[in-house]
PDB file of all heavy atoms in Angstrom:
ATOM      1  N   PRO A   1     -10.549  -1.081   4.773  1.00  0.00           N
ATOM      2  CA  PRO A   1     -10.569   0.392   4.823  1.00  0.00           C
ATOM      3  C   PRO A   1      -9.392   0.975   5.608  1.00  0.00           C
ATOM      4  O   PRO A   1      -8.807   1.982   5.202  1.00  0.00           O
ATOM      5  CB  PRO A   1     -11.893   0.717   5.522  1.00  0.00           C
ATOM      6  CG  PRO A   1     -12.743  -0.493   5.350  1.00  0.00           C
ATOM      7  CD  PRO A   1     -11.795  -1.651   5.298  1.00  0.00           C
ATOM      8  N   ALA A   2      -9.003   0.315   6.691  1.00  0.00           N
ATOM      9  CA  ALA A   2      -7.861   0.801   7.477  1.00  0.00           C
ATOM     10  C   ALA A   2      -6.575   0.669   6.673  1.00  0.00           C
ATOM     11  O   ALA A   2      -5.708   1.550   6.715  1.00  0.00           O
ATOM     12  CB  ALA A   2      -7.758   0.033   8.785  1.00  0.00           C
ATOM     13  N   LEU A   3      -6.458  -0.403   5.927  1.00  0.00           N
ATOM     14  CA  LEU A   3      -5.279  -0.618   5.090  1.00  0.00           C
ATOM     15  C   LEU A   3      -5.149   0.491   4.053  1.00  0.00           C
ATOM     16  O   LEU A   3      -4.062   1.045   3.850  1.00  0.00           O
ATOM     17  CB  LEU A   3      -5.369  -1.983   4.412  1.00  0.00           C
ATOM     18  CG  LEU A   3      -4.175  -2.425   3.590  1.00  0.00           C
ATOM     19  CD1 LEU A   3      -2.958  -2.626   4.485  1.00  0.00           C
ATOM     20  CD2 LEU A   3      -4.490  -3.707   2.847  1.00  0.00           C
ATOM     21  N   GLU A   4      -6.248   0.827   3.401  1.00  0.00           N
ATOM     22  CA  GLU A   4      -6.224   1.907   2.404  1.00  0.00           C
ATOM     23  C   GLU A   4      -5.846   3.244   3.047  1.00  0.00           C
ATOM     24  O   GLU A   4      -5.085   4.018   2.469  1.00  0.00           O
ATOM     25  CB  GLU A   4      -7.579   2.022   1.708  1.00  0.00           C
ATOM     26  CG  GLU A   4      -7.823   0.953   0.674  1.00  0.00           C
ATOM     27  CD  GLU A   4      -6.796   0.988  -0.452  1.00  0.00           C
ATOM     28  OE1 GLU A   4      -6.457   2.082  -0.945  1.00  0.00           O
ATOM     29  OE2 GLU A   4      -6.343  -0.096  -0.845  1.00  0.00           O
ATOM     30  N   THR A   5      -6.343   3.510   4.237  1.00  0.00           N
ATOM     31  CA  THR A   5      -6.007   4.750   4.943  1.00  0.00           C
ATOM     32  C   THR A   5      -4.522   4.787   5.281  1.00  0.00           C
ATOM     33  O   THR A   5      -3.859   5.812   5.085  1.00  0.00           O
ATOM     34  CB  THR A   5      -6.841   4.880   6.237  1.00  0.00           C
ATOM     35  OG1 THR A   5      -8.221   4.886   5.882  1.00  0.00           O
ATOM     36  CG2 THR A   5      -6.496   6.146   6.992  1.00  0.00           C
ATOM     37  N   LEU A   6      -3.989   3.676   5.770  1.00  0.00           N
ATOM     38  CA  LEU A   6      -2.569   3.618   6.119  1.00  0.00           C
ATOM     39  C   LEU A   6      -1.674   3.754   4.894  1.00  0.00           C
ATOM     40  O   LEU A   6      -0.581   4.324   4.983  1.00  0.00           O
ATOM     41  CB  LEU A   6      -2.267   2.310   6.855  1.00  0.00           C
ATOM     42  CG  LEU A   6      -2.854   2.185   8.249  1.00  0.00           C
ATOM     43  CD1 LEU A   6      -2.644   0.772   8.785  1.00  0.00           C
ATOM     44  CD2 LEU A   6      -2.264   3.211   9.191  1.00  0.00           C
ATOM     45  N   MET A   7      -2.126   3.236   3.774  1.00  0.00           N
ATOM     46  CA  MET A   7      -1.322   3.324   2.544  1.00  0.00           C
ATOM     47  C   MET A   7      -1.071   4.778   2.151  1.00  0.00           C
ATOM     48  O   MET A   7      -0.040   5.086   1.550  1.00  0.00           O
ATOM     49  CB  MET A   7      -2.014   2.588   1.390  1.00  0.00           C
ATOM     50  CG  MET A   7      -2.035   1.080   1.534  1.00  0.00           C
ATOM     51  SD  MET A   7      -0.466   0.310   1.159  1.00  0.00           S
ATOM     52  CE  MET A   7      -0.531   0.279  -0.620  1.00  0.00           C
ATOM     53  N   TRP A   8      -1.994   5.670   2.486  1.00  0.00           N
ATOM     54  CA  TRP A   8      -1.818   7.075   2.123  1.00  0.00           C
ATOM     55  C   TRP A   8      -0.801   7.783   3.010  1.00  0.00           C
ATOM     56  O   TRP A   8      -0.485   8.947   2.783  1.00  0.00           O
ATOM     57  CB  TRP A   8      -3.162   7.800   2.137  1.00  0.00           C
ATOM     58  CG  TRP A   8      -3.963   7.411   0.944  1.00  0.00           C
ATOM     59  CD1 TRP A   8      -4.991   6.521   0.889  1.00  0.00           C
ATOM     60  CD2 TRP A   8      -3.774   7.870  -0.403  1.00  0.00           C
ATOM     61  NE1 TRP A   8      -5.454   6.384  -0.396  1.00  0.00           N
ATOM     62  CE2 TRP A   8      -4.720   7.214  -1.211  1.00  0.00           C
ATOM     63  CE3 TRP A   8      -2.889   8.767  -0.997  1.00  0.00           C
ATOM     64  CZ2 TRP A   8      -4.802   7.427  -2.586  1.00  0.00           C
ATOM     65  CZ3 TRP A   8      -2.984   8.968  -2.365  1.00  0.00           C
ATOM     66  CH2 TRP A   8      -3.936   8.310  -3.135  1.00  0.00           C
ATOM     67  N   ARG A   9      -0.256   7.094   4.006  1.00  0.00           N
ATOM     68  CA  ARG A   9       0.773   7.659   4.887  1.00  0.00           C
ATOM     69  C   ARG A   9       2.174   7.459   4.338  1.00  0.00           C
ATOM     70  O   ARG A   9       3.145   7.930   4.929  1.00  0.00           O
ATOM     71  CB  ARG A   9       0.690   7.031   6.280  1.00  0.00           C
ATOM     72  CG  ARG A   9      -0.626   7.216   6.970  1.00  0.00           C
ATOM     73  CD  ARG A   9      -0.727   8.594   7.489  1.00  0.00           C
ATOM     74  NE  ARG A   9      -1.960   8.743   8.253  1.00  0.00           N
ATOM     75  CZ  ARG A   9      -2.387   9.894   8.667  1.00  0.00           C
ATOM     76  NH1 ARG A   9      -1.693  10.983   8.407  1.00  0.00           N
ATOM     77  NH2 ARG A   9      -3.496   9.977   9.339  1.00  0.00           N
ATOM     78  N   ILE A  10       2.283   6.739   3.222  1.00  0.00           N
ATOM     79  CA  ILE A  10       3.603   6.494   2.627  1.00  0.00           C
ATOM     80  C   ILE A  10       3.639   7.104   1.230  1.00  0.00           C
ATOM     81  O   ILE A  10       2.594   7.354   0.630  1.00  0.00           O
ATOM     82  CB  ILE A  10       3.929   4.987   2.593  1.00  0.00           C
ATOM     83  CG1 ILE A  10       2.940   4.209   1.734  1.00  0.00           C
ATOM     84  CG2 ILE A  10       3.976   4.402   4.006  1.00  0.00           C
ATOM     85  CD1 ILE A  10       3.293   2.749   1.546  1.00  0.00           C
ATOM     86  N   PRO A  11       4.827   7.356   0.703  1.00  0.00           N
ATOM     87  CA  PRO A  11       4.943   7.974  -0.626  1.00  0.00           C
ATOM     88  C   PRO A  11       4.312   7.121  -1.729  1.00  0.00           C
ATOM     89  O   PRO A  11       4.231   5.896  -1.628  1.00  0.00           O
ATOM     90  CB  PRO A  11       6.450   8.085  -0.841  1.00  0.00           C
ATOM     91  CG  PRO A  11       7.047   8.006   0.510  1.00  0.00           C
ATOM     92  CD  PRO A  11       6.134   7.160   1.326  1.00  0.00           C
ATOM     93  N   GLN A  12       3.890   7.782  -2.780  1.00  0.00           N
ATOM     94  CA  GLN A  12       3.201   7.130  -3.894  1.00  0.00           C
ATOM     95  C   GLN A  12       4.028   5.996  -4.499  1.00  0.00           C
ATOM     96  O   GLN A  12       3.506   4.920  -4.794  1.00  0.00           O
ATOM     97  CB  GLN A  12       2.845   8.139  -4.975  1.00  0.00           C
ATOM     98  CG  GLN A  12       2.106   7.514  -6.142  1.00  0.00           C
ATOM     99  CD  GLN A  12       1.734   8.524  -7.203  1.00  0.00           C
ATOM    100  OE1 GLN A  12       1.886   9.715  -7.016  1.00  0.00           O
ATOM    101  NE2 GLN A  12       1.239   8.044  -8.315  1.00  0.00           N
ATOM    102  N   GLN A  13       5.306   6.219  -4.694  1.00  0.00           N
ATOM    103  CA  GLN A  13       6.170   5.195  -5.296  1.00  0.00           C
ATOM    104  C   GLN A  13       6.163   3.920  -4.447  1.00  0.00           C
ATOM    105  O   GLN A  13       6.084   2.814  -4.967  1.00  0.00           O
ATOM    106  CB  GLN A  13       7.586   5.732  -5.443  1.00  0.00           C
ATOM    107  CG  GLN A  13       8.534   4.780  -6.111  1.00  0.00           C
ATOM    108  CD  GLN A  13       9.913   5.377  -6.266  1.00  0.00           C
ATOM    109  OE1 GLN A  13      10.239   6.411  -5.687  1.00  0.00           O
ATOM    110  NE2 GLN A  13      10.752   4.719  -7.033  1.00  0.00           N
ATOM    111  N   LYS A  14       6.216   4.078  -3.134  1.00  0.00           N
ATOM    112  CA  LYS A  14       6.188   2.927  -2.234  1.00  0.00           C
ATOM    113  C   LYS A  14       4.817   2.257  -2.264  1.00  0.00           C
ATOM    114  O   LYS A  14       4.720   1.027  -2.257  1.00  0.00           O
ATOM    115  CB  LYS A  14       6.528   3.398  -0.822  1.00  0.00           C
ATOM    116  CG  LYS A  14       6.701   2.301   0.162  1.00  0.00           C
ATOM    117  CD  LYS A  14       8.016   1.603  -0.040  1.00  0.00           C
ATOM    118  CE  LYS A  14       8.452   0.942   1.236  1.00  0.00           C
ATOM    119  NZ  LYS A  14       9.779   0.429   1.154  1.00  0.00           N
ATOM    120  N   ARG A  15       3.745   3.054  -2.331  1.00  0.00           N
ATOM    121  CA  ARG A  15       2.382   2.493  -2.424  1.00  0.00           C
ATOM    122  C   ARG A  15       2.249   1.627  -3.664  1.00  0.00           C
ATOM    123  O   ARG A  15       1.701   0.527  -3.613  1.00  0.00           O
ATOM    124  CB  ARG A  15       1.338   3.610  -2.488  1.00  0.00           C
ATOM    125  CG  ARG A  15       0.962   4.193  -1.176  1.00  0.00           C
ATOM    126  CD  ARG A  15      -0.309   5.013  -1.257  1.00  0.00           C
ATOM    127  NE  ARG A  15      -0.382   5.987  -2.314  1.00  0.00           N
ATOM    128  CZ  ARG A  15       0.000   7.256  -2.214  1.00  0.00           C
ATOM    129  NH1 ARG A  15       0.499   7.720  -1.089  1.00  0.00           N
ATOM    130  NH2 ARG A  15      -0.137   8.072  -3.224  1.00  0.00           N
ATOM    131  N   GLU A  16       2.738   2.132  -4.784  1.00  0.00           N
ATOM    132  CA  GLU A  16       2.646   1.389  -6.040  1.00  0.00           C
ATOM    133  C   GLU A  16       3.408   0.071  -5.965  1.00  0.00           C
ATOM    134  O   GLU A  16       2.949  -0.953  -6.462  1.00  0.00           O
ATOM    135  CB  GLU A  16       3.155   2.246  -7.194  1.00  0.00           C
ATOM    136  CG  GLU A  16       2.238   3.405  -7.510  1.00  0.00           C
ATOM    137  CD  GLU A  16       2.823   4.393  -8.497  1.00  0.00           C
ATOM    138  OE1 GLU A  16       3.958   4.154  -8.993  1.00  0.00           O
ATOM    139  OE2 GLU A  16       2.165   5.407  -8.763  1.00  0.00           O
ATOM    140  N   ARG A  17       4.569   0.084  -5.322  1.00  0.00           N
ATOM    141  CA  ARG A  17       5.356  -1.146  -5.164  1.00  0.00           C
ATOM    142  C   ARG A  17       4.607  -2.146  -4.286  1.00  0.00           C
ATOM    143  O   ARG A  17       4.525  -3.331  -4.610  1.00  0.00           O
ATOM    144  CB  ARG A  17       6.721  -0.834  -4.557  1.00  0.00           C
ATOM    145  CG  ARG A  17       7.649  -2.030  -4.559  1.00  0.00           C
ATOM    146  CD  ARG A  17       9.015  -1.697  -4.010  1.00  0.00           C
ATOM    147  NE  ARG A  17       9.037  -1.562  -2.573  1.00  0.00           N
ATOM    148  CZ  ARG A  17       9.012  -2.586  -1.708  1.00  0.00           C
ATOM    149  NH1 ARG A  17       8.937  -3.811  -2.152  1.00  0.00           N
ATOM    150  NH2 ARG A  17       9.053  -2.382  -0.422  1.00  0.00           N
ATOM    151  N   LEU A  18       4.021  -1.661  -3.195  1.00  0.00           N
ATOM    152  CA  LEU A  18       3.300  -2.561  -2.293  1.00  0.00           C
ATOM    153  C   LEU A  18       2.054  -3.155  -2.959  1.00  0.00           C
ATOM    154  O   LEU A  18       1.707  -4.308  -2.716  1.00  0.00           O
ATOM    155  CB  LEU A  18       2.901  -1.836  -1.010  1.00  0.00           C
ATOM    156  CG  LEU A  18       4.030  -1.459  -0.056  1.00  0.00           C
ATOM    157  CD1 LEU A  18       3.473  -0.756   1.180  1.00  0.00           C
ATOM    158  CD2 LEU A  18       4.858  -2.644   0.341  1.00  0.00           C
ATOM    159  N   LYS A  19       1.388  -2.395  -3.791  1.00  0.00           N
ATOM    160  CA  LYS A  19       0.175  -2.883  -4.451  1.00  0.00           C
ATOM    161  C   LYS A  19       0.470  -4.007  -5.439  1.00  0.00           C
ATOM    162  O   LYS A  19      -0.437  -4.740  -5.828  1.00  0.00           O
ATOM    163  CB  LYS A  19      -0.557  -1.741  -5.148  1.00  0.00           C
ATOM    164  CG  LYS A  19      -1.262  -0.829  -4.170  1.00  0.00           C
ATOM    165  CD  LYS A  19      -1.998   0.277  -4.875  1.00  0.00           C
ATOM    166  CE  LYS A  19      -2.703   1.171  -3.869  1.00  0.00           C
ATOM    167  NZ  LYS A  19      -3.438   2.252  -4.527  1.00  0.00           N
ATOM    168  N   ARG A  20       1.731  -4.172  -5.824  1.00  0.00           N
ATOM    169  CA  ARG A  20       2.101  -5.254  -6.737  1.00  0.00           C
ATOM    170  C   ARG A  20       2.292  -6.587  -6.006  1.00  0.00           C
ATOM    171  O   ARG A  20       2.412  -7.624  -6.643  1.00  0.00           O
ATOM    172  CB  ARG A  20       3.369  -4.890  -7.498  1.00  0.00           C
ATOM    173  CG  ARG A  20       3.157  -3.767  -8.509  1.00  0.00           C
ATOM    174  CD  ARG A  20       4.311  -3.656  -9.471  1.00  0.00           C
ATOM    175  NE  ARG A  20       5.603  -3.531  -8.830  1.00  0.00           N
ATOM    176  CZ  ARG A  20       6.290  -2.386  -8.694  1.00  0.00           C
ATOM    177  NH1 ARG A  20       5.783  -1.260  -9.170  1.00  0.00           N
ATOM    178  NH2 ARG A  20       7.456  -2.375  -8.106  1.00  0.00           N
ATOM    179  N   PHE A  21       2.316  -6.553  -4.675  1.00  0.00           N
ATOM    180  CA  PHE A  21       2.478  -7.789  -3.905  1.00  0.00           C
ATOM    181  C   PHE A  21       1.305  -8.717  -4.187  1.00  0.00           C
ATOM    182  O   PHE A  21       0.171  -8.286  -4.260  1.00  0.00           O
ATOM    183  CB  PHE A  21       2.544  -7.492  -2.410  1.00  0.00           C
ATOM    184  CG  PHE A  21       3.870  -6.950  -1.929  1.00  0.00           C
ATOM    185  CD1 PHE A  21       4.733  -6.295  -2.774  1.00  0.00           C
ATOM    186  CD2 PHE A  21       4.236  -7.090  -0.610  1.00  0.00           C
ATOM    187  CE1 PHE A  21       5.936  -5.788  -2.330  1.00  0.00           C
ATOM    188  CE2 PHE A  21       5.436  -6.593  -0.143  1.00  0.00           C
ATOM    189  CZ  PHE A  21       6.290  -5.948  -1.005  1.00  0.00           C
ATOM    190  N   LYS A  22       1.583  -9.983  -4.311  1.00  0.00           N
ATOM    191  CA  LYS A  22       0.531 -10.957  -4.585  1.00  0.00           C
ATOM    192  C   LYS A  22      -0.204 -11.373  -3.309  1.00  0.00           C
ATOM    193  O   LYS A  22      -1.400 -11.612  -3.333  1.00  0.00           O
ATOM    194  CB  LYS A  22       1.125 -12.183  -5.273  1.00  0.00           C
ATOM    195  CG  LYS A  22       1.738 -11.832  -6.622  1.00  0.00           C
ATOM    196  CD  LYS A  22       1.888 -13.032  -7.486  1.00  0.00           C
ATOM    197  CE  LYS A  22       2.591 -12.765  -8.789  1.00  0.00           C
ATOM    198  NZ  LYS A  22       2.197 -11.663  -9.540  1.00  0.00           N
ATOM    199  N   ARG A  23       0.501 -11.467  -2.219  1.00  0.00           N
ATOM    200  CA  ARG A  23      -0.104 -11.871  -0.943  1.00  0.00           C
ATOM    201  C   ARG A  23      -0.426 -10.655  -0.088  1.00  0.00           C
ATOM    202  O   ARG A  23       0.423  -9.788   0.127  1.00  0.00           O
ATOM    203  CB  ARG A  23       0.851 -12.784  -0.174  1.00  0.00           C
ATOM    204  CG  ARG A  23       1.034 -14.134  -0.851  1.00  0.00           C
ATOM    205  CD  ARG A  23       1.900 -15.099  -0.054  1.00  0.00           C
ATOM    206  NE  ARG A  23       1.768 -14.949   1.373  1.00  0.00           N
ATOM    207  CZ  ARG A  23       2.800 -14.849   2.220  1.00  0.00           C
ATOM    208  NH1 ARG A  23       4.026 -14.869   1.775  1.00  0.00           N
ATOM    209  NH2 ARG A  23       2.604 -14.715   3.506  1.00  0.00           N
ATOM    210  N   VAL A  24      -1.630 -10.592   0.425  1.00  0.00           N
ATOM    211  CA  VAL A  24      -2.065  -9.475   1.263  1.00  0.00           C
ATOM    212  C   VAL A  24      -1.215  -9.401   2.527  1.00  0.00           C
ATOM    213  O   VAL A  24      -0.862  -8.313   2.987  1.00  0.00           O
ATOM    214  CB  VAL A  24      -3.560  -9.603   1.625  1.00  0.00           C
ATOM    215  CG1 VAL A  24      -3.986  -8.541   2.616  1.00  0.00           C
ATOM    216  CG2 VAL A  24      -4.416  -9.543   0.382  1.00  0.00           C
ATOM    217  N   GLU A  25      -0.844 -10.559   3.071  1.00  0.00           N
ATOM    218  CA  GLU A  25      -0.029 -10.574   4.289  1.00  0.00           C
ATOM    219  C   GLU A  25       1.319  -9.909   4.058  1.00  0.00           C
ATOM    220  O   GLU A  25       1.810  -9.176   4.912  1.00  0.00           O
ATOM    221  CB  GLU A  25       0.181 -12.014   4.796  1.00  0.00           C
ATOM    222  CG  GLU A  25      -1.070 -12.666   5.306  1.00  0.00           C
ATOM    223  CD  GLU A  25      -1.863 -13.367   4.212  1.00  0.00           C
ATOM    224  OE1 GLU A  25      -1.391 -13.426   3.044  1.00  0.00           O
ATOM    225  OE2 GLU A  25      -2.966 -13.846   4.515  1.00  0.00           O
TER     226      GLU A  25
END
């Protein structure tokens, strides 16, 4: 839940790029 909250602090384009990462770390 904290990760999802923090993701909303960055622009959408960057969020989409990060969500494509295979490793959570």
